[in-house]
Amino acid sequence: MARHITQMSIDEADHYTQEERARIVASYLPHEREARAKGIPQLGSGRVFPIEEAAISVDPFDIPPHWAEIGGLDFGWDHPFAAVKLAWDRDADVVHVTQVYRVRNETAIVHAAALRPWGADLSWSWPHDGLQHDKGSGEQLAEQYRKQGLRLLPDKATHEAGGFGLEAGVMELLERMQTGRFKVFSHLGDWWQEFRLYHRKDGLIVKERDDLMSATRIALMMLRFASPRKPREWGASDTRWVV
C-alpha cells in the first residue's frame, strides 16, 4: 500500500486568523511548539539541530560585496546532487546560506551550467568522494566539474585542524547556530525541509535526505578559503559593475 506524508505548518491553515494561530501556538508547551506548529515529526533519537527556525532564519538581502563567499558541493546521482552558497560577514563572524541547488539523475554538465551563474570567481569546496574515478571515462569526479568551469578548490574539504569527520562538522554548525553566527535565507524551502528532518537514530546521524545539509557542512569546513567577489572592470559610461 502506497503511503505519503504531507507536512504542513499552522501558518498554512488559512481557516485560522493570525491571532488564532498565535493563541494556539502559545497554548503548547515550549518544547512542543516548533514540532506541533510546523508539523515536524518526532524522529529517531532526536533532531541533529534542535534549534528553533526563527533563531537562524533571515529574510533575503543583497550581500555586501566585501563579504567573503564560498560554495559547497555534495556529489550524487540516485540521491540528489546538492550545492549551497555561503556568504561570510567576517567582521561579525556570521555565515549566511544564500543559495541552494538540489537535483538528482543529472550530469556534471547540467549541474555546472546551473551553478556557474552563482559567480565565475566563486571557489567550491568538495568532499573526498570527488577523488573517485568515473567508471565509464575513468576521469576523476572533481575534474569533471573543473572542466565545466567551476573553480573547485585544489584539495578535498578538510577541517582546519585536519580530517573530514562528519560529527566534527555537524558540531561546528550547531555551535554557530547556538551562538547566532549561522543564518539561512528564509525562502530556501529545500534547505529548510532537510533541516527539519535531519535526525539521529540510536545516536547516529541518519544519512538520508541530507544532501543540502552535507553541502552546507562541506562549505563550512573550508570557510577559511572564502573570498569576496572580485571587482570587475568599470563600464565606460556608468558606475555599474560589468562582467
Protein backbone atom coordinates (compact mmCIF):
# COMPACT_ATOMS: atom_id res chain seq x y z
CA MET A 1 0.00 0.00 0.00
CA ALA A 2 1.42 3.37 -1.02
CA ARG A 3 1.90 5.94 1.71
CA HIS A 4 2.60 9.63 1.68
CA ILE A 5 3.28 12.10 4.48
CA THR A 6 2.17 15.68 3.96
CA GLN A 7 3.99 18.14 6.20
CA MET A 8 2.06 21.30 6.98
CA SER A 9 2.55 24.21 9.36
CA ILE A 10 -0.14 26.11 11.21
CA ASP A 11 0.68 29.16 9.06
CA GLU A 12 -0.77 27.25 6.11
CA ALA A 13 -4.10 26.69 7.90
CA ASP A 14 -6.00 29.54 6.25
CA HIS A 15 -9.16 28.96 8.27
CA TYR A 16 -7.38 30.42 11.32
CA THR A 17 -6.74 34.13 11.72
CA GLN A 18 -3.23 35.29 12.63
CA GLU A 19 -4.42 35.98 16.18
CA GLU A 20 -5.92 32.50 16.48
CA ARG A 21 -2.70 30.90 15.25
CA ALA A 22 -0.67 32.83 17.82
CA ARG A 23 -3.06 31.80 20.59
CA ILE A 24 -2.91 28.12 19.58
CA VAL A 25 0.89 28.09 19.43
CA ALA A 26 1.11 29.82 22.81
CA SER A 27 -1.03 27.06 24.31
CA TYR A 28 1.60 24.41 23.52
CA LEU A 29 4.38 23.59 25.95
CA PRO A 30 7.59 25.45 24.95
CA HIS A 31 9.46 22.31 23.88
CA GLU A 32 6.49 21.22 21.73
CA ARG A 33 5.83 24.46 19.88
CA GLU A 34 8.03 24.12 16.84
CA ALA A 35 7.17 20.45 16.24
CA ARG A 36 3.41 20.96 16.59
CA ALA A 37 3.16 24.35 14.88
CA LYS A 38 5.35 23.41 11.91
CA GLY A 39 4.33 19.76 11.53
CA ILE A 40 7.81 18.43 12.27
CA PRO A 41 7.63 14.71 13.13
CA GLN A 42 9.37 13.12 16.10
CA LEU A 43 12.40 11.45 14.52
CA GLY A 44 14.54 8.64 15.86
CA SER A 45 16.51 9.66 18.93
CA GLY A 46 16.27 13.37 18.10
CA ARG A 47 16.92 16.09 15.59
CA VAL A 48 20.55 16.77 14.75
CA PHE A 49 19.97 20.51 15.08
CA PRO A 50 17.49 21.12 17.93
CA ILE A 51 17.27 24.81 17.06
CA GLU A 52 14.15 26.90 16.55
CA GLU A 53 13.94 28.05 12.94
CA ALA A 54 13.28 31.65 13.97
CA ALA A 55 16.71 31.72 15.61
CA ILE A 56 18.55 31.19 12.32
CA SER A 57 16.10 32.38 9.65
CA VAL A 58 16.56 35.79 7.99
CA ASP A 59 14.80 37.48 5.10
CA PRO A 60 16.87 37.58 1.89
CA PHE A 61 19.00 40.69 1.34
CA ASP A 62 21.71 41.85 -1.05
CA ILE A 63 25.09 40.54 0.05
CA PRO A 64 27.66 43.33 0.56
CA PRO A 65 30.49 42.96 -1.98
CA HIS A 66 33.17 42.85 0.72
CA TRP A 67 31.70 39.74 2.37
CA ALA A 68 33.57 36.51 1.62
CA GLU A 69 31.75 33.76 -0.27
CA ILE A 70 32.28 30.05 -0.90
CA GLY A 71 30.26 27.22 -2.42
CA GLY A 72 29.89 23.66 -1.21
CA LEU A 73 29.14 20.54 -3.27
CA ASP A 74 27.72 17.15 -2.35
CA PHE A 75 28.01 14.77 -5.30
CA GLY A 76 25.14 12.44 -6.11
CA TRP A 77 23.15 10.62 -8.76
CA ASP A 78 20.42 8.37 -7.31
CA HIS A 79 20.43 10.57 -4.26
CA PRO A 80 20.45 14.22 -5.29
CA PHE A 81 23.49 16.27 -6.19
CA ALA A 82 23.40 19.34 -3.95
CA ALA A 83 25.13 22.71 -3.72
CA VAL A 84 24.98 25.68 -1.38
CA LYS A 85 26.47 29.15 -1.38
CA LEU A 86 27.67 30.74 1.85
CA ALA A 87 28.30 34.42 2.49
CA TRP A 88 30.52 35.25 5.45
CA ASP A 89 30.40 38.55 7.31
CA ARG A 90 33.93 38.31 8.63
CA ASP A 91 33.59 41.35 10.91
CA ALA A 92 30.77 39.73 12.89
CA ASP A 93 31.82 36.15 12.05
CA VAL A 94 28.31 35.29 10.84
CA VAL A 95 27.77 32.84 7.97
CA HIS A 96 24.66 33.03 5.77
CA VAL A 97 23.26 30.35 3.45
CA THR A 98 22.14 32.43 0.47
CA GLN A 99 21.53 29.98 -2.40
CA VAL A 100 20.84 26.25 -2.76
CA TYR A 101 20.52 23.72 -5.57
CA ARG A 102 19.38 20.09 -5.39
CA VAL A 103 18.77 17.84 -8.42
CA ARG A 104 19.01 14.08 -8.97
CA ASN A 105 19.90 11.95 -12.01
CA GLU A 106 21.77 14.65 -13.95
CA THR A 107 25.33 15.00 -15.20
CA ALA A 108 28.16 17.38 -14.36
CA ILE A 109 27.34 19.40 -17.48
CA VAL A 110 23.81 20.13 -16.23
CA HIS A 111 24.83 20.88 -12.65
CA ALA A 112 27.72 23.14 -13.64
CA ALA A 113 25.50 25.09 -16.03
CA ALA A 114 23.10 25.79 -13.16
CA LEU A 115 25.87 26.81 -10.76
CA ARG A 116 28.15 28.95 -12.93
CA PRO A 117 25.79 31.97 -12.65
CA TRP A 118 26.40 31.97 -8.89
CA GLY A 119 29.77 33.56 -9.62
CA ALA A 120 32.57 32.96 -12.10
CA ASP A 121 35.15 33.51 -9.36
CA LEU A 122 33.33 31.52 -6.65
CA SER A 123 35.52 28.85 -5.06
CA TRP A 124 33.92 25.46 -4.44
CA SER A 125 34.55 23.12 -1.53
CA TRP A 126 34.03 19.42 -2.33
CA PRO A 127 34.01 16.13 -0.42
CA HIS A 128 36.51 13.28 -0.50
CA ASP A 129 34.37 11.17 -2.85
CA GLY A 130 35.26 13.70 -5.57
CA LEU A 131 38.57 11.82 -5.78
CA GLN A 132 36.78 8.77 -7.16
CA HIS A 133 37.05 8.00 -10.86
CA ASP A 134 34.09 7.66 -13.20
CA LYS A 135 33.60 4.00 -14.18
CA GLY A 136 32.95 4.93 -17.81
CA SER A 137 35.51 7.60 -18.63
CA GLY A 138 37.99 6.87 -15.85
CA GLU A 139 38.09 10.61 -15.12
CA GLN A 140 38.16 11.91 -11.58
CA LEU A 141 34.76 13.23 -10.50
CA ALA A 142 36.08 16.58 -9.25
CA GLU A 143 37.95 17.09 -12.51
CA GLN A 144 34.72 16.73 -14.48
CA TYR A 145 33.34 19.80 -12.71
CA ARG A 146 36.55 21.77 -13.20
CA LYS A 147 36.31 21.12 -16.93
CA GLN A 148 32.78 22.56 -16.82
CA GLY A 149 34.06 25.85 -15.44
CA LEU A 150 33.60 25.51 -11.68
CA ARG A 151 36.56 26.67 -9.59
CA LEU A 152 36.89 23.66 -7.31
CA LEU A 153 39.50 24.12 -4.59
CA PRO A 154 42.72 22.17 -5.23
CA ASP A 155 42.11 19.70 -2.40
CA LYS A 156 39.11 17.95 -0.87
CA ALA A 157 37.37 19.56 2.11
CA THR A 158 39.02 19.12 5.49
CA HIS A 159 38.65 20.76 8.86
CA GLU A 160 41.25 23.38 9.68
CA ALA A 161 42.73 21.01 12.26
CA GLY A 162 42.73 18.16 9.72
CA GLY A 163 40.41 15.29 8.85
CA PHE A 164 36.88 15.44 7.49
CA GLY A 165 34.82 13.77 10.21
CA LEU A 166 31.04 14.12 9.99
CA GLU A 167 30.44 14.74 13.69
CA ALA A 168 33.09 17.47 13.90
CA GLY A 169 31.44 19.31 11.01
CA VAL A 170 27.96 18.94 12.48
CA MET A 171 29.15 20.22 15.85
CA GLU A 172 30.70 23.28 14.21
CA LEU A 173 27.39 24.02 12.50
CA LEU A 174 25.41 23.50 15.70
CA GLU A 175 27.73 25.75 17.70
CA ARG A 176 27.33 28.52 15.15
CA MET A 177 23.54 28.15 15.27
CA GLN A 178 23.53 28.28 19.07
CA THR A 179 25.71 31.40 19.18
CA GLY A 180 23.89 33.39 16.47
CA ARG A 181 26.70 33.02 13.93
CA PHE A 182 24.80 31.00 11.32
CA LYS A 183 21.79 32.24 9.35
CA VAL A 184 19.74 30.92 6.43
CA PHE A 185 17.63 32.87 3.94
CA SER A 186 14.01 32.20 4.78
CA HIS A 187 12.87 31.39 1.23
CA LEU A 188 15.19 28.40 0.71
CA GLY A 189 12.48 25.76 1.08
CA ASP A 190 14.58 22.73 0.12
CA TRP A 191 17.18 23.60 2.77
CA TRP A 192 14.57 24.05 5.48
CA GLN A 193 12.89 20.75 4.55
CA GLU A 194 16.12 18.85 5.12
CA PHE A 195 16.88 20.80 8.30
CA ARG A 196 13.55 19.74 9.81
CA LEU A 197 14.02 16.05 9.01
CA TYR A 198 17.76 15.71 9.76
CA HIS A 199 17.89 13.33 12.70
CA ARG A 200 19.68 10.61 14.62
CA LYS A 201 18.74 7.00 15.24
CA ASP A 202 20.40 5.18 18.12
CA GLY A 203 22.70 8.17 18.43
CA LEU A 204 23.93 8.05 14.84
CA ILE A 205 23.09 10.58 12.12
CA VAL A 206 20.75 9.10 9.53
CA LYS A 207 22.33 9.66 6.11
CA GLU A 208 19.10 10.10 4.17
CA ARG A 209 17.63 13.22 2.56
CA ASP A 210 20.63 15.16 3.88
CA ASP A 211 22.19 16.39 0.63
CA LEU A 212 21.95 20.13 1.32
CA MET A 213 22.95 19.57 4.95
CA SER A 214 26.08 17.83 3.68
CA ALA A 215 26.84 20.55 1.12
CA THR A 216 26.48 23.17 3.87
CA ARG A 217 28.84 21.30 6.17
CA ILE A 218 31.37 20.79 3.37
CA ALA A 219 31.34 24.50 2.52
CA LEU A 220 31.74 25.49 6.17
CA MET A 221 34.72 23.14 6.56
CA MET A 222 36.64 25.23 4.02
CA LEU A 223 35.35 28.64 5.09
CA ARG A 224 38.95 29.75 5.52
CA PHE A 225 39.22 29.81 1.71
CA ALA A 226 36.16 32.03 1.18
CA SER A 227 36.86 35.31 -0.60
CA PRO A 228 34.98 38.46 -1.66
CA ARG A 229 33.69 38.79 -5.18
CA LYS A 230 36.43 40.14 -7.42
CA PRO A 231 35.82 43.65 -8.78
CA ARG A 232 35.17 43.73 -12.50
CA GLU A 233 36.34 46.41 -14.85
CA TRP A 234 34.33 49.60 -14.69
CA GLY A 235 31.92 50.29 -17.53
CA ALA A 236 32.92 53.17 -19.80
CA SER A 237 29.74 55.20 -19.35
CA ASP A 238 28.43 54.42 -15.89
CA THR A 239 29.40 53.09 -12.47
CA ARG A 240 27.82 49.63 -12.71
CA TRP A 241 29.99 46.57 -12.42
CA VAL A 242 30.15 44.73 -15.72
CA VAL A 243 31.12 41.12 -16.31
